[in-house]
Amino acid sequence: MQRLCREPRGLDETIMMIGKQKPILVTGAAGSIGQAAVAGLMGAGWQVRGFDLRPTSGCSESVVGDLTDAAAVHAAAEGVGAIIHMAAVPDDDDFLERLLPGNIIGLHHVLEAARLAGVPRVVLASTGQVVWWQLLEGPWPIEPDAPISPKHWYAATKVLAEAAGQVYARSHGLTVVALRLGWFPRTPEHAVELNETPRGPNVYLSPGDAARFFVRAMEAPLEQGYSVVWLASRPLNQQLFNLDPTTRLIGWEPRDQWPTGSEHLLRQAPGSEPAGLTR
């Protein structure tokens, strides 16, 4: 049986290190979690090439482009040391008009660009929605190798992203980390929804914890191959995701807890409950 989360071993020829001489390409760099990645990496001394539909603030280089434009994606991947692929339609939407081009065609272009440019390491954003029914019904905490039970078409695109990452790791020698993200609120309304959902504070992902993870994901000596890990902050009262494999593989541990890092979103939402008063 293939191991989705490998234990780190001593350095050998299969271990890949990423140097700071080359920039890190962050797709979706102008988005909420993309900005957390940019801030963390830049603060740790990395060069960052942001790729998004609009200019990216705070990075070394900003490339405006569309994931469906293969030539633009390939050009952005030239000369980078790693790719952090965050760009996507972030929830359920029209499949043919939005999810197919943004989450599947774009994924293809990013992985092909990594292969052709010889980029050794790729971090792919996935989601907890790929194990939706276990998230709702248990058992908990959910392991990275738990059976897939996607919520709907958005989650299905992320199941494909994980499968494609495995293909490129096994067939083309990349180091690919599929990153199942916790709940990262993007708007005041999103933060209120999290605050009022019983599981929300237990699957929250703060900007600070995300930023620190992306730094460690570039610093960590990783074996060539494929891994799946969870990324979430400390739960408020119940551990729903098993973060131990993340700590072992990447050397990262969460520091924050809901609502750290998202207080401003709650303050911007009229009529929201005070921060921390969750059900």
C-alpha atoms as a PDB file:
ATOM      1  CA  MET A   1       0.000   0.000   0.000  1.00  0.00           C
ATOM      2  CA  GLN A   2       1.290   3.417  -0.875  1.00  0.00           C
ATOM      3  CA  ARG A   3       2.084   5.673   2.066  1.00  0.00           C
ATOM      4  CA  LEU A   4       0.480   9.061   1.643  1.00  0.00           C
ATOM      5  CA  CYS A   5       2.390  10.588   4.555  1.00  0.00           C
ATOM      6  CA  ARG A   6       5.998   9.501   4.744  1.00  0.00           C
ATOM      7  CA  GLU A   7       8.237   9.662   7.759  1.00  0.00           C
ATOM      8  CA  PRO A   8      11.352  11.785   7.131  1.00  0.00           C
ATOM      9  CA  ARG A   9      14.585   9.810   6.818  1.00  0.00           C
ATOM     10  CA  GLY A  10      18.241  10.708   6.789  1.00  0.00           C
ATOM     11  CA  LEU A  11      19.448  12.892   3.930  1.00  0.00           C
ATOM     12  CA  ASP A  12      20.241  10.902   0.788  1.00  0.00           C
ATOM     13  CA  GLU A  13      19.901  11.217  -2.959  1.00  0.00           C
ATOM     14  CA  THR A  14      16.086  11.221  -2.741  1.00  0.00           C
ATOM     15  CA  ILE A  15      15.977  14.281  -0.484  1.00  0.00           C
ATOM     16  CA  MET A  16      15.241  17.560  -2.248  1.00  0.00           C
ATOM     17  CA  MET A  17      16.218  20.938  -0.824  1.00  0.00           C
ATOM     18  CA  ILE A  18      14.985  24.294  -2.141  1.00  0.00           C
ATOM     19  CA  GLY A  19      17.464  27.158  -2.225  1.00  0.00           C
ATOM     20  CA  LYS A  20      16.657  30.856  -1.955  1.00  0.00           C
ATOM     21  CA  GLN A  21      18.531  31.691  -5.160  1.00  0.00           C
ATOM     22  CA  LYS A  22      15.384  31.120  -7.208  1.00  0.00           C
ATOM     23  CA  PRO A  23      11.961  32.674  -6.657  1.00  0.00           C
ATOM     24  CA  ILE A  24       8.913  30.753  -5.480  1.00  0.00           C
ATOM     25  CA  LEU A  25       5.928  30.958  -7.821  1.00  0.00           C
ATOM     26  CA  VAL A  26       2.678  31.484  -5.905  1.00  0.00           C
ATOM     27  CA  THR A  27      -0.461  31.217  -8.012  1.00  0.00           C
ATOM     28  CA  GLY A  28      -3.478  32.989  -6.597  1.00  0.00           C
ATOM     29  CA  ALA A  29      -1.019  35.297  -4.856  1.00  0.00           C
ATOM     30  CA  ALA A  30      -3.438  38.235  -4.682  1.00  0.00           C
ATOM     31  CA  GLY A  31      -6.082  36.183  -2.868  1.00  0.00           C
ATOM     32  CA  SER A  32      -6.504  35.864   0.879  1.00  0.00           C
ATOM     33  CA  ILE A  33      -4.451  32.739   1.499  1.00  0.00           C
ATOM     34  CA  GLY A  34      -2.098  33.661  -1.336  1.00  0.00           C
ATOM     35  CA  GLN A  35      -1.306  36.890   0.481  1.00  0.00           C
ATOM     36  CA  ALA A  36      -0.539  34.902   3.641  1.00  0.00           C
ATOM     37  CA  ALA A  37       1.910  32.774   1.641  1.00  0.00           C
ATOM     38  CA  VAL A  38       3.520  35.856   0.077  1.00  0.00           C
ATOM     39  CA  ALA A  39       3.891  37.611   3.437  1.00  0.00           C
ATOM     40  CA  GLY A  40       5.390  34.566   5.124  1.00  0.00           C
ATOM     41  CA  LEU A  41       7.865  33.796   2.357  1.00  0.00           C
ATOM     42  CA  MET A  42       8.973  37.385   1.829  1.00  0.00           C
ATOM     43  CA  GLY A  43       9.393  37.839   5.560  1.00  0.00           C
ATOM     44  CA  ALA A  44      11.631  34.764   5.674  1.00  0.00           C
ATOM     45  CA  GLY A  45      13.880  36.080   2.902  1.00  0.00           C
ATOM     46  CA  TRP A  46      12.480  34.233  -0.112  1.00  0.00           C
ATOM     47  CA  GLN A  47      11.859  35.825  -3.486  1.00  0.00           C
ATOM     48  CA  VAL A  48       8.227  35.469  -4.551  1.00  0.00           C
ATOM     49  CA  ARG A  49       6.779  35.636  -8.054  1.00  0.00           C
ATOM     50  CA  GLY A  50       3.048  36.203  -7.723  1.00  0.00           C
ATOM     51  CA  PHE A  51       0.668  35.042 -10.449  1.00  0.00           C
ATOM     52  CA  ASP A  52      -2.947  36.178 -10.403  1.00  0.00           C
ATOM     53  CA  LEU A  53      -5.678  37.834 -12.421  1.00  0.00           C
ATOM     54  CA  ARG A  54      -4.791  41.145 -10.765  1.00  0.00           C
ATOM     55  CA  PRO A  55      -1.486  42.613  -9.549  1.00  0.00           C
ATOM     56  CA  THR A  56      -0.084  41.088  -6.373  1.00  0.00           C
ATOM     57  CA  SER A  57       1.108  43.390  -3.614  1.00  0.00           C
ATOM     58  CA  GLY A  58       4.066  42.648  -1.375  1.00  0.00           C
ATOM     59  CA  CYS A  59       5.988  40.239  -3.612  1.00  0.00           C
ATOM     60  CA  SER A  60       9.263  40.486  -5.524  1.00  0.00           C
ATOM     61  CA  GLU A  61       7.584  40.170  -8.904  1.00  0.00           C
ATOM     62  CA  SER A  62       3.944  40.305  -9.945  1.00  0.00           C
ATOM     63  CA  VAL A  63       2.698  38.532 -13.056  1.00  0.00           C
ATOM     64  CA  VAL A  64      -0.858  39.231 -14.189  1.00  0.00           C
ATOM     65  CA  GLY A  65      -2.259  36.269 -16.063  1.00  0.00           C
ATOM     66  CA  ASP A  66      -4.966  33.636 -16.342  1.00  0.00           C
ATOM     67  CA  LEU A  67      -4.492  29.978 -15.424  1.00  0.00           C
ATOM     68  CA  THR A  68      -6.259  28.969 -18.622  1.00  0.00           C
ATOM     69  CA  ASP A  69      -3.478  30.638 -20.638  1.00  0.00           C
ATOM     70  CA  ALA A  70      -0.926  27.851 -20.886  1.00  0.00           C
ATOM     71  CA  ALA A  71       1.772  30.094 -22.350  1.00  0.00           C
ATOM     72  CA  ALA A  72       1.425  32.586 -19.486  1.00  0.00           C
ATOM     73  CA  VAL A  73       1.604  29.837 -16.865  1.00  0.00           C
ATOM     74  CA  HIS A  74       4.641  28.236 -18.501  1.00  0.00           C
ATOM     75  CA  ALA A  75       6.413  31.590 -18.709  1.00  0.00           C
ATOM     76  CA  ALA A  76       5.699  32.264 -15.033  1.00  0.00           C
ATOM     77  CA  ALA A  77       7.167  28.883 -14.047  1.00  0.00           C
ATOM     78  CA  GLU A  78      10.484  29.414 -15.813  1.00  0.00           C
ATOM     79  CA  GLY A  79      13.407  29.693 -13.428  1.00  0.00           C
ATOM     80  CA  VAL A  80      11.500  29.124 -10.170  1.00  0.00           C
ATOM     81  CA  GLY A  81      12.582  26.846  -7.347  1.00  0.00           C
ATOM     82  CA  ALA A  82       9.094  25.675  -6.387  1.00  0.00           C
ATOM     83  CA  ILE A  83       5.419  26.318  -7.081  1.00  0.00           C
ATOM     84  CA  ILE A  84       2.709  26.914  -4.492  1.00  0.00           C
ATOM     85  CA  HIS A  85      -0.540  26.480  -6.414  1.00  0.00           C
ATOM     86  CA  MET A  86      -3.325  28.278  -4.558  1.00  0.00           C
ATOM     87  CA  ALA A  87      -5.268  29.754  -7.484  1.00  0.00           C
ATOM     88  CA  ALA A  88      -8.713  28.223  -7.945  1.00  0.00           C
ATOM     89  CA  VAL A  89     -12.405  28.888  -7.797  1.00  0.00           C
ATOM     90  CA  PRO A  90     -12.650  28.443  -4.002  1.00  0.00           C
ATOM     91  CA  ASP A  91     -16.076  26.821  -3.619  1.00  0.00           C
ATOM     92  CA  ASP A  92     -18.944  25.293  -5.552  1.00  0.00           C
ATOM     93  CA  ASP A  93     -19.837  27.216  -8.688  1.00  0.00           C
ATOM     94  CA  ASP A  94     -20.923  26.621 -12.264  1.00  0.00           C
ATOM     95  CA  PHE A  95     -18.899  23.621 -13.347  1.00  0.00           C
ATOM     96  CA  LEU A  96     -18.463  24.269 -17.068  1.00  0.00           C
ATOM     97  CA  GLU A  97     -17.992  28.029 -16.854  1.00  0.00           C
ATOM     98  CA  ARG A  98     -15.984  28.326 -13.637  1.00  0.00           C
ATOM     99  CA  LEU A  99     -14.741  25.091 -12.034  1.00  0.00           C
ATOM    100  CA  LEU A 100     -13.595  23.352 -15.209  1.00  0.00           C
ATOM    101  CA  PRO A 101     -11.348  26.178 -16.472  1.00  0.00           C
ATOM    102  CA  GLY A 102     -10.179  27.444 -13.087  1.00  0.00           C
ATOM    103  CA  ASN A 103      -9.674  24.225 -11.166  1.00  0.00           C
ATOM    104  CA  ILE A 104      -8.959  21.575 -13.786  1.00  0.00           C
ATOM    105  CA  ILE A 105      -7.542  23.193 -16.913  1.00  0.00           C
ATOM    106  CA  GLY A 106      -5.496  25.559 -14.752  1.00  0.00           C
ATOM    107  CA  LEU A 107      -4.231  22.640 -12.674  1.00  0.00           C
ATOM    108  CA  HIS A 108      -3.117  20.860 -15.842  1.00  0.00           C
ATOM    109  CA  HIS A 109      -1.213  23.921 -17.031  1.00  0.00           C
ATOM    110  CA  VAL A 110       0.525  24.392 -13.666  1.00  0.00           C
ATOM    111  CA  LEU A 111       1.666  20.778 -13.401  1.00  0.00           C
ATOM    112  CA  GLU A 112       2.774  20.687 -17.033  1.00  0.00           C
ATOM    113  CA  ALA A 113       4.668  23.937 -16.531  1.00  0.00           C
ATOM    114  CA  ALA A 114       6.396  22.453 -13.488  1.00  0.00           C
ATOM    115  CA  ARG A 115       7.360  19.340 -15.445  1.00  0.00           C
ATOM    116  CA  LEU A 116       8.656  21.187 -18.487  1.00  0.00           C
ATOM    117  CA  ALA A 117      10.550  23.797 -16.459  1.00  0.00           C
ATOM    118  CA  GLY A 118      12.103  21.179 -14.167  1.00  0.00           C
ATOM    119  CA  VAL A 119      10.547  22.644 -11.022  1.00  0.00           C
ATOM    120  CA  PRO A 120      11.342  20.110  -8.299  1.00  0.00           C
ATOM    121  CA  ARG A 121       8.667  20.889  -5.682  1.00  0.00           C
ATOM    122  CA  VAL A 122       4.961  21.694  -5.974  1.00  0.00           C
ATOM    123  CA  VAL A 123       2.475  22.380  -3.177  1.00  0.00           C
ATOM    124  CA  LEU A 124      -1.121  21.878  -4.355  1.00  0.00           C
ATOM    125  CA  ALA A 125      -4.064  23.348  -2.476  1.00  0.00           C
ATOM    126  CA  SER A 126      -6.765  20.819  -1.668  1.00  0.00           C
ATOM    127  CA  THR A 127      -9.642  21.017   0.802  1.00  0.00           C
ATOM    128  CA  GLY A 128     -11.284  19.307   3.741  1.00  0.00           C
ATOM    129  CA  GLN A 129     -14.335  18.957   1.526  1.00  0.00           C
ATOM    130  CA  VAL A 130     -12.726  15.899  -0.097  1.00  0.00           C
ATOM    131  CA  VAL A 131     -13.686  13.979   3.095  1.00  0.00           C
ATOM    132  CA  TRP A 132     -16.878  15.914   3.697  1.00  0.00           C
ATOM    133  CA  TRP A 133     -19.035  13.136   5.083  1.00  0.00           C
ATOM    134  CA  GLN A 134     -16.448  11.960   7.576  1.00  0.00           C
ATOM    135  CA  LEU A 135     -15.968  15.587   8.593  1.00  0.00           C
ATOM    136  CA  LEU A 136     -19.673  15.740   9.432  1.00  0.00           C
ATOM    137  CA  GLU A 137     -20.165  12.270  10.862  1.00  0.00           C
ATOM    138  CA  GLY A 138     -16.755  11.110  12.138  1.00  0.00           C
ATOM    139  CA  PRO A 139     -14.743   9.286  13.237  1.00  0.00           C
ATOM    140  CA  TRP A 140     -12.287  12.016  14.211  1.00  0.00           C
ATOM    141  CA  PRO A 141      -9.540  13.044  13.926  1.00  0.00           C
ATOM    142  CA  ILE A 142      -9.463  12.435  10.200  1.00  0.00           C
ATOM    143  CA  GLU A 143      -6.257  10.918   8.847  1.00  0.00           C
ATOM    144  CA  PRO A 144      -4.702  12.099   5.568  1.00  0.00           C
ATOM    145  CA  ASP A 145      -5.308   8.651   4.061  1.00  0.00           C
ATOM    146  CA  ALA A 146      -9.001   8.506   5.037  1.00  0.00           C
ATOM    147  CA  PRO A 147     -11.370   7.310   2.284  1.00  0.00           C
ATOM    148  CA  ILE A 148     -12.464  10.068  -0.061  1.00  0.00           C
ATOM    149  CA  SER A 149     -16.061  11.307   0.339  1.00  0.00           C
ATOM    150  CA  PRO A 150     -16.330  14.608  -1.574  1.00  0.00           C
ATOM    151  CA  LYS A 151     -19.099  17.122  -0.932  1.00  0.00           C
ATOM    152  CA  HIS A 152     -19.855  18.214  -4.513  1.00  0.00           C
ATOM    153  CA  TRP A 153     -18.163  19.346  -7.729  1.00  0.00           C
ATOM    154  CA  TYR A 154     -15.685  21.763  -6.115  1.00  0.00           C
ATOM    155  CA  ALA A 155     -14.451  18.971  -3.866  1.00  0.00           C
ATOM    156  CA  ALA A 156     -14.360  16.639  -6.873  1.00  0.00           C
ATOM    157  CA  THR A 157     -11.956  19.029  -8.622  1.00  0.00           C
ATOM    158  CA  LYS A 158      -9.697  18.823  -5.573  1.00  0.00           C
ATOM    159  CA  VAL A 159      -9.853  15.031  -5.590  1.00  0.00           C
ATOM    160  CA  LEU A 160      -8.584  15.289  -9.157  1.00  0.00           C
ATOM    161  CA  ALA A 161      -5.867  17.721  -8.046  1.00  0.00           C
ATOM    162  CA  GLU A 162      -4.626  15.209  -5.489  1.00  0.00           C
ATOM    163  CA  ALA A 163      -4.689  12.399  -8.050  1.00  0.00           C
ATOM    164  CA  ALA A 164      -2.871  14.533 -10.631  1.00  0.00           C
ATOM    165  CA  GLY A 165      -0.242  15.452  -8.055  1.00  0.00           C
ATOM    166  CA  GLN A 166       0.364  11.774  -7.443  1.00  0.00           C
ATOM    167  CA  VAL A 167       0.719  11.172 -11.181  1.00  0.00           C
ATOM    168  CA  TYR A 168       3.354  13.877 -11.555  1.00  0.00           C
ATOM    169  CA  ALA A 169       5.261  12.704  -8.499  1.00  0.00           C
ATOM    170  CA  ARG A 170       5.333   9.064  -9.583  1.00  0.00           C
ATOM    171  CA  SER A 171       5.685   9.512 -13.344  1.00  0.00           C
ATOM    172  CA  HIS A 172       7.788  12.679 -13.589  1.00  0.00           C
ATOM    173  CA  GLY A 173       9.873  12.728 -10.404  1.00  0.00           C
ATOM    174  CA  LEU A 174       8.376  15.823  -8.753  1.00  0.00           C
ATOM    175  CA  THR A 175       8.017  16.299  -5.030  1.00  0.00           C
ATOM    176  CA  VAL A 176       4.326  17.078  -4.570  1.00  0.00           C
ATOM    177  CA  VAL A 177       2.563  17.968  -1.334  1.00  0.00           C
ATOM    178  CA  ALA A 178      -1.239  17.970  -1.517  1.00  0.00           C
ATOM    179  CA  LEU A 179      -2.368  20.389   1.153  1.00  0.00           C
ATOM    180  CA  ARG A 180      -5.854  19.902   2.593  1.00  0.00           C
ATOM    181  CA  LEU A 181      -6.692  23.352   3.872  1.00  0.00           C
ATOM    182  CA  GLY A 182      -8.805  24.150   6.882  1.00  0.00           C
ATOM    183  CA  TRP A 183     -11.394  26.931   6.863  1.00  0.00           C
ATOM    184  CA  PHE A 184      -9.660  30.161   5.861  1.00  0.00           C
ATOM    185  CA  PRO A 185     -12.276  32.955   5.974  1.00  0.00           C
ATOM    186  CA  ARG A 186     -12.023  35.408   3.094  1.00  0.00           C
ATOM    187  CA  THR A 187     -14.787  37.911   3.900  1.00  0.00           C
ATOM    188  CA  PRO A 188     -16.686  39.197   6.960  1.00  0.00           C
ATOM    189  CA  GLU A 189     -19.655  37.057   5.955  1.00  0.00           C
ATOM    190  CA  HIS A 190     -17.399  34.013   5.658  1.00  0.00           C
ATOM    191  CA  ALA A 191     -15.965  34.681   9.134  1.00  0.00           C
ATOM    192  CA  VAL A 192     -19.440  34.983  10.658  1.00  0.00           C
ATOM    193  CA  GLU A 193     -20.461  31.704   9.013  1.00  0.00           C
ATOM    194  CA  LEU A 194     -17.404  29.999  10.482  1.00  0.00           C
ATOM    195  CA  ASN A 195     -18.105  31.497  13.908  1.00  0.00           C
ATOM    196  CA  GLU A 196     -21.688  30.250  13.872  1.00  0.00           C
ATOM    197  CA  THR A 197     -20.935  26.748  12.543  1.00  0.00           C
ATOM    198  CA  PRO A 198     -20.241  24.211  15.314  1.00  0.00           C
ATOM    199  CA  ARG A 199     -17.247  22.675  13.555  1.00  0.00           C
ATOM    200  CA  GLY A 200     -15.919  26.016  12.263  1.00  0.00           C
ATOM    201  CA  PRO A 201     -13.571  26.982  15.135  1.00  0.00           C
ATOM    202  CA  ASN A 202     -12.154  23.446  15.115  1.00  0.00           C
ATOM    203  CA  VAL A 203     -11.127  23.547  11.440  1.00  0.00           C
ATOM    204  CA  TYR A 204     -10.077  27.213  11.284  1.00  0.00           C
ATOM    205  CA  LEU A 205      -6.824  28.164   9.542  1.00  0.00           C
ATOM    206  CA  SER A 206      -5.293  31.501  10.534  1.00  0.00           C
ATOM    207  CA  PRO A 207      -3.216  33.703   8.223  1.00  0.00           C
ATOM    208  CA  GLY A 208      -0.258  33.399  10.598  1.00  0.00           C
ATOM    209  CA  ASP A 209      -0.313  29.619  10.744  1.00  0.00           C
ATOM    210  CA  ALA A 210      -0.697  29.466   6.949  1.00  0.00           C
ATOM    211  CA  ALA A 211       2.243  31.836   6.449  1.00  0.00           C
ATOM    212  CA  ARG A 212       4.482  29.824   8.770  1.00  0.00           C
ATOM    213  CA  PHE A 213       3.492  26.594   7.035  1.00  0.00           C
ATOM    214  CA  PHE A 214       4.438  27.830   3.573  1.00  0.00           C
ATOM    215  CA  VAL A 215       7.858  28.895   4.823  1.00  0.00           C
ATOM    216  CA  ARG A 216       8.464  25.469   6.339  1.00  0.00           C
ATOM    217  CA  ALA A 217       7.125  23.780   3.177  1.00  0.00           C
ATOM    218  CA  MET A 218       9.950  25.460   1.266  1.00  0.00           C
ATOM    219  CA  GLU A 219      12.631  24.972   3.940  1.00  0.00           C
ATOM    220  CA  ALA A 220      11.923  21.334   4.783  1.00  0.00           C
ATOM    221  CA  PRO A 221      14.118  18.611   3.257  1.00  0.00           C
ATOM    222  CA  LEU A 222      11.566  16.389   1.538  1.00  0.00           C
ATOM    223  CA  GLU A 223      11.905  13.065  -0.207  1.00  0.00           C
ATOM    224  CA  GLN A 224      10.983  12.958  -3.855  1.00  0.00           C
ATOM    225  CA  GLY A 225       7.430  11.686  -4.025  1.00  0.00           C
ATOM    226  CA  TYR A 226       3.861  12.464  -3.059  1.00  0.00           C
ATOM    227  CA  SER A 227       2.327  13.341   0.291  1.00  0.00           C
ATOM    228  CA  VAL A 228      -1.042  14.497   1.626  1.00  0.00           C
ATOM    229  CA  VAL A 229      -1.195  16.628   4.769  1.00  0.00           C
ATOM    230  CA  TRP A 230      -3.745  18.665   6.692  1.00  0.00           C
ATOM    231  CA  LEU A 231      -3.288  22.362   7.439  1.00  0.00           C
ATOM    232  CA  ALA A 232      -5.368  23.956  10.195  1.00  0.00           C
ATOM    233  CA  SER A 233      -4.871  25.980  13.343  1.00  0.00           C
ATOM    234  CA  ARG A 234      -5.345  24.669  16.882  1.00  0.00           C
ATOM    235  CA  PRO A 235      -8.937  23.524  17.426  1.00  0.00           C
ATOM    236  CA  LEU A 236     -11.086  25.337  19.926  1.00  0.00           C
ATOM    237  CA  ASN A 237     -12.472  22.195  21.578  1.00  0.00           C
ATOM    238  CA  GLN A 238     -12.147  19.116  19.345  1.00  0.00           C
ATOM    239  CA  GLN A 239      -9.410  17.831  17.021  1.00  0.00           C
ATOM    240  CA  LEU A 240     -11.059  17.013  13.691  1.00  0.00           C
ATOM    241  CA  PHE A 241      -7.909  16.711  11.540  1.00  0.00           C
ATOM    242  CA  ASN A 242      -4.811  14.740  12.489  1.00  0.00           C
ATOM    243  CA  LEU A 243      -2.005  17.283  12.132  1.00  0.00           C
ATOM    244  CA  ASP A 244       0.731  14.965  13.454  1.00  0.00           C
ATOM    245  CA  PRO A 245       1.777  13.821   9.933  1.00  0.00           C
ATOM    246  CA  THR A 246       2.089  17.495   8.931  1.00  0.00           C
ATOM    247  CA  THR A 247       4.423  18.111  11.846  1.00  0.00           C
ATOM    248  CA  ARG A 248       6.524  15.055  11.053  1.00  0.00           C
ATOM    249  CA  LEU A 249       6.836  15.796   7.338  1.00  0.00           C
ATOM    250  CA  ILE A 250       7.127  19.588   7.290  1.00  0.00           C
ATOM    251  CA  GLY A 251       8.311  20.443  10.803  1.00  0.00           C
ATOM    252  CA  TRP A 252       5.362  22.805  11.387  1.00  0.00           C
ATOM    253  CA  GLU A 253       2.962  23.086  14.300  1.00  0.00           C
ATOM    254  CA  PRO A 254      -0.054  25.392  14.637  1.00  0.00           C
ATOM    255  CA  ARG A 255       0.159  28.273  17.083  1.00  0.00           C
ATOM    256  CA  ASP A 256      -3.118  30.097  16.611  1.00  0.00           C
ATOM    257  CA  GLN A 257      -6.711  29.409  17.560  1.00  0.00           C
ATOM    258  CA  TRP A 258      -9.966  30.916  16.363  1.00  0.00           C
ATOM    259  CA  PRO A 259     -10.406  33.888  15.913  1.00  0.00           C
ATOM    260  CA  THR A 260      -6.716  34.926  15.942  1.00  0.00           C
ATOM    261  CA  GLY A 261      -5.921  36.691  12.676  1.00  0.00           C
ATOM    262  CA  SER A 262      -9.566  37.141  11.670  1.00  0.00           C
ATOM    263  CA  GLU A 263     -10.792  39.554  14.321  1.00  0.00           C
ATOM    264  CA  HIS A 264     -10.934  42.343  11.754  1.00  0.00           C
ATOM    265  CA  LEU A 265     -13.336  40.332   9.606  1.00  0.00           C
ATOM    266  CA  LEU A 266     -15.686  39.801  12.529  1.00  0.00           C
ATOM    267  CA  ARG A 267     -15.555  43.500  13.406  1.00  0.00           C
ATOM    268  CA  GLN A 268     -16.489  44.365   9.815  1.00  0.00           C
ATOM    269  CA  ALA A 269     -19.604  42.189   9.900  1.00  0.00           C
ATOM    270  CA  PRO A 270     -22.630  44.090  11.300  1.00  0.00           C
ATOM    271  CA  GLY A 271     -24.565  42.074  13.832  1.00  0.00           C
ATOM    272  CA  SER A 272     -21.972  39.327  14.206  1.00  0.00           C
ATOM    273  CA  GLU A 273     -21.394  37.624  17.535  1.00  0.00           C
ATOM    274  CA  PRO A 274     -18.367  38.815  19.504  1.00  0.00           C
ATOM    275  CA  ALA A 275     -15.184  36.942  18.610  1.00  0.00           C
ATOM    276  CA  GLY A 276     -14.844  33.642  20.422  1.00  0.00           C
ATOM    277  CA  LEU A 277     -18.556  33.234  21.285  1.00  0.00           C
ATOM    278  CA  THR A 278     -19.144  30.151  19.192  1.00  0.00           C
ATOM    279  CA  ARG A 279     -21.657  27.421  19.593  1.00  0.00           C
END
